[in-house]
N, C-alpha and C. Protein backbone atom coordinates (compact mmCIF):
# COMPACT_ATOMS: atom_id res chain seq x y z
N UNK A 1 0.84 -1.18 0.00
CA UNK A 1 0.00 0.00 0.00
C UNK A 1 0.89 1.24 0.00
N UNK A 2 0.55 2.18 -0.85
CA UNK A 2 1.30 3.44 -0.94
C UNK A 2 1.18 4.22 0.38
N UNK A 3 2.15 5.07 0.64
CA UNK A 3 2.12 5.89 1.84
C UNK A 3 1.13 7.05 1.74
N UNK A 4 0.80 7.45 0.51
CA UNK A 4 -0.16 8.54 0.31
C UNK A 4 -1.34 8.07 -0.51
N UNK A 5 -2.48 8.72 -0.27
CA UNK A 5 -3.68 8.48 -1.04
C UNK A 5 -4.06 9.80 -1.72
N UNK A 6 -4.48 9.72 -2.97
CA UNK A 6 -4.85 10.93 -3.71
C UNK A 6 -6.25 11.38 -3.32
N UNK A 7 -6.54 12.61 -3.64
CA UNK A 7 -7.88 13.14 -3.36
C UNK A 7 -8.95 12.36 -4.11
N UNK A 8 -8.80 12.09 -5.43
CA UNK A 8 -9.83 11.29 -6.11
C UNK A 8 -10.01 9.90 -5.49
N UNK A 9 -8.93 9.26 -5.06
CA UNK A 9 -9.05 7.94 -4.44
C UNK A 9 -9.78 8.02 -3.10
N UNK A 10 -9.52 9.07 -2.32
CA UNK A 10 -10.23 9.23 -1.05
C UNK A 10 -11.70 9.55 -1.31
N UNK A 11 -11.98 10.38 -2.30
CA UNK A 11 -13.37 10.67 -2.62
C UNK A 11 -14.13 9.39 -2.94
N UNK A 12 -13.52 8.52 -3.71
CA UNK A 12 -14.14 7.24 -4.05
C UNK A 12 -14.34 6.39 -2.80
N UNK A 13 -13.35 6.35 -1.95
CA UNK A 13 -13.43 5.59 -0.70
C UNK A 13 -14.57 6.11 0.17
N UNK A 14 -14.68 7.42 0.31
CA UNK A 14 -15.73 8.01 1.13
C UNK A 14 -17.11 7.77 0.54
N UNK A 15 -17.19 7.79 -0.77
CA UNK A 15 -18.46 7.55 -1.44
C UNK A 15 -18.92 6.11 -1.20
N UNK A 16 -17.99 5.17 -1.24
CA UNK A 16 -18.31 3.75 -1.10
C UNK A 16 -18.37 3.28 0.35
N UNK A 17 -17.74 3.99 1.27
CA UNK A 17 -17.59 3.51 2.64
C UNK A 17 -18.91 3.11 3.32
N UNK A 18 -19.98 3.90 3.24
CA UNK A 18 -21.20 3.50 3.96
C UNK A 18 -21.81 2.20 3.45
N UNK A 19 -21.59 1.86 2.20
CA UNK A 19 -22.21 0.66 1.64
C UNK A 19 -21.33 -0.57 1.79
N UNK A 20 -20.08 -0.40 2.19
CA UNK A 20 -19.18 -1.53 2.32
C UNK A 20 -19.42 -2.24 3.64
N UNK A 21 -19.39 -3.58 3.62
CA UNK A 21 -19.58 -4.31 4.86
C UNK A 21 -18.50 -4.06 5.90
N UNK A 22 -17.31 -3.67 5.45
CA UNK A 22 -16.21 -3.41 6.39
C UNK A 22 -16.04 -1.92 6.68
N UNK A 23 -17.14 -1.16 6.62
CA UNK A 23 -17.06 0.29 6.83
C UNK A 23 -16.43 0.64 8.17
N UNK A 24 -16.59 -0.24 9.17
CA UNK A 24 -16.00 0.03 10.48
C UNK A 24 -14.48 -0.06 10.43
N UNK A 25 -13.93 -0.68 9.40
CA UNK A 25 -12.48 -0.84 9.32
C UNK A 25 -11.82 0.30 8.56
N UNK A 26 -12.52 1.44 8.46
CA UNK A 26 -11.97 2.63 7.82
C UNK A 26 -12.01 3.78 8.82
N UNK A 27 -10.94 4.55 8.87
CA UNK A 27 -10.88 5.68 9.80
C UNK A 27 -10.25 6.87 9.09
N UNK A 28 -10.90 8.00 9.18
CA UNK A 28 -10.37 9.26 8.68
C UNK A 28 -9.83 9.99 9.91
N UNK A 29 -8.54 10.26 9.91
CA UNK A 29 -7.86 10.78 11.10
C UNK A 29 -7.23 12.14 10.84
N UNK A 30 -7.67 13.13 11.61
CA UNK A 30 -7.16 14.50 11.53
C UNK A 30 -6.09 14.65 12.61
N UNK A 31 -4.86 15.00 12.22
CA UNK A 31 -3.78 15.14 13.19
C UNK A 31 -3.40 16.61 13.42
N UNK A 32 -4.28 17.52 13.01
CA UNK A 32 -4.02 18.94 13.24
C UNK A 32 -4.36 19.30 14.69
N UNK A 33 -4.11 20.52 15.05
CA UNK A 33 -4.45 21.03 16.38
C UNK A 33 -5.94 21.35 16.44
N UNK A 34 -6.54 21.33 17.63
CA UNK A 34 -7.98 21.61 17.74
C UNK A 34 -8.40 22.94 17.11
N UNK A 35 -7.57 23.98 17.23
CA UNK A 35 -7.95 25.27 16.64
C UNK A 35 -8.06 25.16 15.12
N UNK A 36 -7.24 24.31 14.51
CA UNK A 36 -7.30 24.12 13.06
C UNK A 36 -8.57 23.37 12.68
N UNK A 37 -8.92 22.37 13.47
CA UNK A 37 -10.12 21.59 13.19
C UNK A 37 -11.38 22.44 13.34
N UNK A 38 -11.33 23.48 14.16
CA UNK A 38 -12.48 24.37 14.29
C UNK A 38 -12.70 25.20 13.03
N UNK A 39 -11.65 25.40 12.24
CA UNK A 39 -11.76 26.19 11.01
C UNK A 39 -12.38 25.39 9.88
N UNK A 40 -11.99 24.12 9.74
CA UNK A 40 -12.52 23.26 8.69
C UNK A 40 -12.16 21.82 9.03
N UNK A 41 -13.01 20.90 8.62
CA UNK A 41 -12.79 19.49 8.94
C UNK A 41 -13.48 18.63 7.88
N UNK A 42 -12.95 17.45 7.66
CA UNK A 42 -13.63 16.50 6.79
C UNK A 42 -14.67 15.76 7.62
N UNK A 43 -15.90 15.65 7.12
CA UNK A 43 -16.96 14.99 7.89
C UNK A 43 -16.57 13.57 8.30
N UNK A 44 -16.84 13.26 9.55
CA UNK A 44 -16.57 11.93 10.07
C UNK A 44 -15.16 11.71 10.57
N UNK A 45 -14.32 12.74 10.50
CA UNK A 45 -12.92 12.58 10.92
C UNK A 45 -12.81 12.53 12.44
N UNK A 46 -11.85 11.76 12.89
CA UNK A 46 -11.50 11.68 14.31
C UNK A 46 -10.28 12.57 14.52
N UNK A 47 -10.30 13.40 15.55
CA UNK A 47 -9.20 14.31 15.83
C UNK A 47 -8.28 13.73 16.90
N UNK A 48 -7.04 13.49 16.51
CA UNK A 48 -5.97 13.15 17.46
C UNK A 48 -4.77 13.99 17.03
N UNK A 49 -4.51 15.12 17.70
CA UNK A 49 -3.38 15.95 17.30
C UNK A 49 -2.07 15.15 17.27
N UNK A 50 -1.20 15.52 16.36
CA UNK A 50 0.05 14.80 16.15
C UNK A 50 0.81 14.55 17.46
N UNK A 51 0.90 15.55 18.31
CA UNK A 51 1.64 15.41 19.56
C UNK A 51 1.03 14.42 20.53
N UNK A 52 -0.24 14.09 20.36
CA UNK A 52 -0.92 13.14 21.24
C UNK A 52 -0.92 11.72 20.68
N UNK A 53 -0.43 11.56 19.47
CA UNK A 53 -0.49 10.26 18.80
C UNK A 53 0.17 9.14 19.60
N UNK A 54 1.40 9.32 20.12
CA UNK A 54 2.03 8.21 20.84
C UNK A 54 1.22 7.71 22.04
N UNK A 55 0.52 8.62 22.72
CA UNK A 55 -0.22 8.21 23.92
C UNK A 55 -1.63 7.72 23.61
N UNK A 56 -2.14 7.98 22.41
CA UNK A 56 -3.53 7.62 22.11
C UNK A 56 -3.72 6.58 21.02
N UNK A 57 -2.76 6.43 20.13
CA UNK A 57 -2.96 5.58 18.95
C UNK A 57 -3.35 4.15 19.30
N UNK A 58 -2.61 3.53 20.20
CA UNK A 58 -2.87 2.12 20.50
C UNK A 58 -4.18 1.91 21.26
N UNK A 59 -4.68 2.93 21.92
CA UNK A 59 -5.95 2.82 22.64
C UNK A 59 -7.15 3.15 21.75
N UNK A 60 -6.97 4.01 20.75
CA UNK A 60 -8.11 4.53 20.01
C UNK A 60 -8.19 4.10 18.55
N UNK A 61 -7.14 3.53 18.00
CA UNK A 61 -7.14 3.16 16.58
C UNK A 61 -7.02 1.65 16.41
N UNK A 62 -7.64 1.15 15.37
CA UNK A 62 -7.59 -0.27 15.04
C UNK A 62 -6.40 -0.51 14.12
N UNK A 63 -5.42 -1.33 14.53
CA UNK A 63 -4.24 -1.54 13.70
C UNK A 63 -4.55 -2.25 12.38
N UNK A 64 -5.72 -2.87 12.27
CA UNK A 64 -6.10 -3.55 11.03
C UNK A 64 -6.93 -2.67 10.10
N UNK A 65 -7.30 -1.48 10.56
CA UNK A 65 -8.15 -0.59 9.77
C UNK A 65 -7.34 0.16 8.70
N UNK A 66 -8.05 0.55 7.65
CA UNK A 66 -7.48 1.47 6.66
C UNK A 66 -7.64 2.86 7.27
N UNK A 67 -6.53 3.49 7.61
CA UNK A 67 -6.53 4.80 8.27
C UNK A 67 -5.99 5.83 7.29
N UNK A 68 -6.80 6.82 6.97
CA UNK A 68 -6.35 7.92 6.12
C UNK A 68 -6.14 9.13 7.03
N UNK A 69 -4.90 9.56 7.10
CA UNK A 69 -4.47 10.64 7.99
C UNK A 69 -4.34 11.92 7.19
N UNK A 70 -4.82 13.03 7.77
CA UNK A 70 -4.63 14.31 7.08
C UNK A 70 -4.26 15.41 8.06
N UNK A 71 -3.62 16.43 7.50
CA UNK A 71 -3.27 17.64 8.24
C UNK A 71 -3.53 18.82 7.31
N UNK A 72 -2.82 19.91 7.48
CA UNK A 72 -3.05 21.08 6.65
C UNK A 72 -2.51 20.88 5.23
N UNK A 73 -1.23 20.55 5.12
CA UNK A 73 -0.60 20.41 3.80
C UNK A 73 -0.06 19.01 3.49
N UNK A 74 -0.12 18.11 4.44
CA UNK A 74 0.31 16.74 4.19
C UNK A 74 1.64 16.34 4.78
N UNK A 75 2.35 17.25 5.42
CA UNK A 75 3.65 16.92 5.99
C UNK A 75 3.52 16.22 7.34
N UNK A 76 2.71 16.79 8.24
CA UNK A 76 2.51 16.15 9.54
C UNK A 76 1.86 14.78 9.36
N UNK A 77 0.89 14.71 8.47
CA UNK A 77 0.18 13.44 8.29
C UNK A 77 1.12 12.36 7.74
N UNK A 78 2.02 12.73 6.86
CA UNK A 78 2.97 11.75 6.34
C UNK A 78 3.91 11.27 7.45
N UNK A 79 4.34 12.17 8.32
CA UNK A 79 5.17 11.77 9.46
C UNK A 79 4.41 10.81 10.38
N UNK A 80 3.14 11.11 10.61
CA UNK A 80 2.32 10.24 11.45
C UNK A 80 2.14 8.87 10.80
N UNK A 81 1.93 8.86 9.49
CA UNK A 81 1.78 7.58 8.78
C UNK A 81 3.04 6.74 8.92
N UNK A 82 4.20 7.35 8.76
CA UNK A 82 5.45 6.60 8.91
C UNK A 82 5.57 6.03 10.32
N UNK A 83 5.20 6.81 11.32
CA UNK A 83 5.23 6.34 12.70
C UNK A 83 4.21 5.22 12.91
N UNK A 84 2.98 5.42 12.42
CA UNK A 84 1.94 4.40 12.58
C UNK A 84 2.38 3.07 11.95
N UNK A 85 2.97 3.14 10.78
CA UNK A 85 3.42 1.91 10.13
C UNK A 85 4.50 1.20 10.95
N UNK A 86 5.37 1.96 11.58
CA UNK A 86 6.38 1.36 12.47
C UNK A 86 5.72 0.66 13.66
N UNK A 87 4.53 1.15 14.03
CA UNK A 87 3.79 0.60 15.17
C UNK A 87 2.87 -0.55 14.77
N UNK A 88 2.86 -0.92 13.48
CA UNK A 88 2.04 -2.03 13.02
C UNK A 88 0.71 -1.65 12.38
N UNK A 89 0.48 -0.37 12.18
CA UNK A 89 -0.73 0.09 11.49
C UNK A 89 -0.40 0.13 9.99
N UNK A 90 -0.40 -1.03 9.37
CA UNK A 90 0.14 -1.18 8.02
C UNK A 90 -0.72 -0.61 6.90
N UNK A 91 -1.96 -0.25 7.20
CA UNK A 91 -2.83 0.31 6.18
C UNK A 91 -3.03 1.81 6.36
N UNK A 92 -2.11 2.46 7.04
CA UNK A 92 -2.20 3.91 7.21
C UNK A 92 -1.69 4.61 5.96
N UNK A 93 -2.42 5.65 5.55
CA UNK A 93 -2.03 6.46 4.40
C UNK A 93 -2.25 7.93 4.72
N UNK A 94 -1.44 8.77 4.11
CA UNK A 94 -1.55 10.22 4.26
C UNK A 94 -2.29 10.80 3.06
N UNK A 95 -3.19 11.73 3.32
CA UNK A 95 -3.88 12.43 2.23
C UNK A 95 -2.90 13.38 1.56
N UNK A 96 -2.56 13.11 0.32
CA UNK A 96 -1.61 13.94 -0.42
C UNK A 96 -2.10 15.38 -0.50
N UNK A 97 -1.29 16.30 -0.03
CA UNK A 97 -1.64 17.72 -0.08
C UNK A 97 -2.48 18.21 1.08
N UNK A 98 -2.95 17.30 1.92
CA UNK A 98 -3.72 17.67 3.11
C UNK A 98 -5.08 18.29 2.81
N UNK A 99 -5.65 18.89 3.85
CA UNK A 99 -6.98 19.47 3.73
C UNK A 99 -6.96 20.71 2.82
N UNK A 100 -5.80 21.33 2.68
CA UNK A 100 -5.69 22.47 1.76
C UNK A 100 -5.93 22.01 0.33
N UNK A 101 -5.31 20.91 -0.06
CA UNK A 101 -5.52 20.37 -1.41
C UNK A 101 -6.95 19.88 -1.58
N UNK A 102 -7.50 19.30 -0.52
CA UNK A 102 -8.91 18.84 -0.57
C UNK A 102 -9.83 20.04 -0.83
N UNK A 103 -9.61 21.13 -0.12
CA UNK A 103 -10.45 22.32 -0.29
C UNK A 103 -10.36 22.85 -1.72
N UNK A 104 -9.16 22.85 -2.29
CA UNK A 104 -8.99 23.36 -3.65
C UNK A 104 -9.60 22.43 -4.68
N UNK A 105 -9.43 21.12 -4.51
CA UNK A 105 -9.84 20.17 -5.55
C UNK A 105 -11.22 19.56 -5.36
N UNK A 106 -11.61 19.33 -4.12
CA UNK A 106 -12.84 18.57 -3.87
C UNK A 106 -13.98 19.39 -3.27
N UNK A 107 -13.65 20.44 -2.51
CA UNK A 107 -14.70 21.22 -1.84
C UNK A 107 -14.31 22.69 -1.77
N UNK A 108 -14.54 23.43 -2.86
CA UNK A 108 -14.15 24.84 -2.88
C UNK A 108 -14.92 25.70 -1.89
N UNK A 109 -15.99 25.18 -1.27
CA UNK A 109 -16.72 25.94 -0.26
C UNK A 109 -16.07 25.84 1.12
N UNK A 110 -15.14 24.93 1.27
CA UNK A 110 -14.49 24.72 2.56
C UNK A 110 -13.61 25.91 2.91
N UNK A 111 -13.64 26.30 4.18
CA UNK A 111 -12.78 27.39 4.64
C UNK A 111 -11.32 26.98 4.50
N UNK A 112 -10.50 27.94 4.12
CA UNK A 112 -9.06 27.69 3.98
C UNK A 112 -8.32 28.64 4.91
N UNK A 113 -7.15 28.23 5.32
CA UNK A 113 -6.33 29.05 6.22
C UNK A 113 -4.87 28.91 5.90
């Protein structure tokens, strides 16, 4: 599995997720700070700021789930994905370009910062 997922691939995943029998095995994970999540967020995302990941990941995330991680531009999320994979979360992927790229390509009504 690639370390990054493209916006079109995530759009397809989100479109199909509710109808898939394994919908519970998918997680959209926001690793930005709470103030950033107050500005804009992807629906259904779980917020675990990057700095809290080591203390929360093993308690709150399923290591067998497909986890798509995002941040503002994709740098923090890629770092988190690399760490998650070292921890055995082998299906973790970073949203290429982050929520900024999502806002530009998929949802131009989304607030940007």
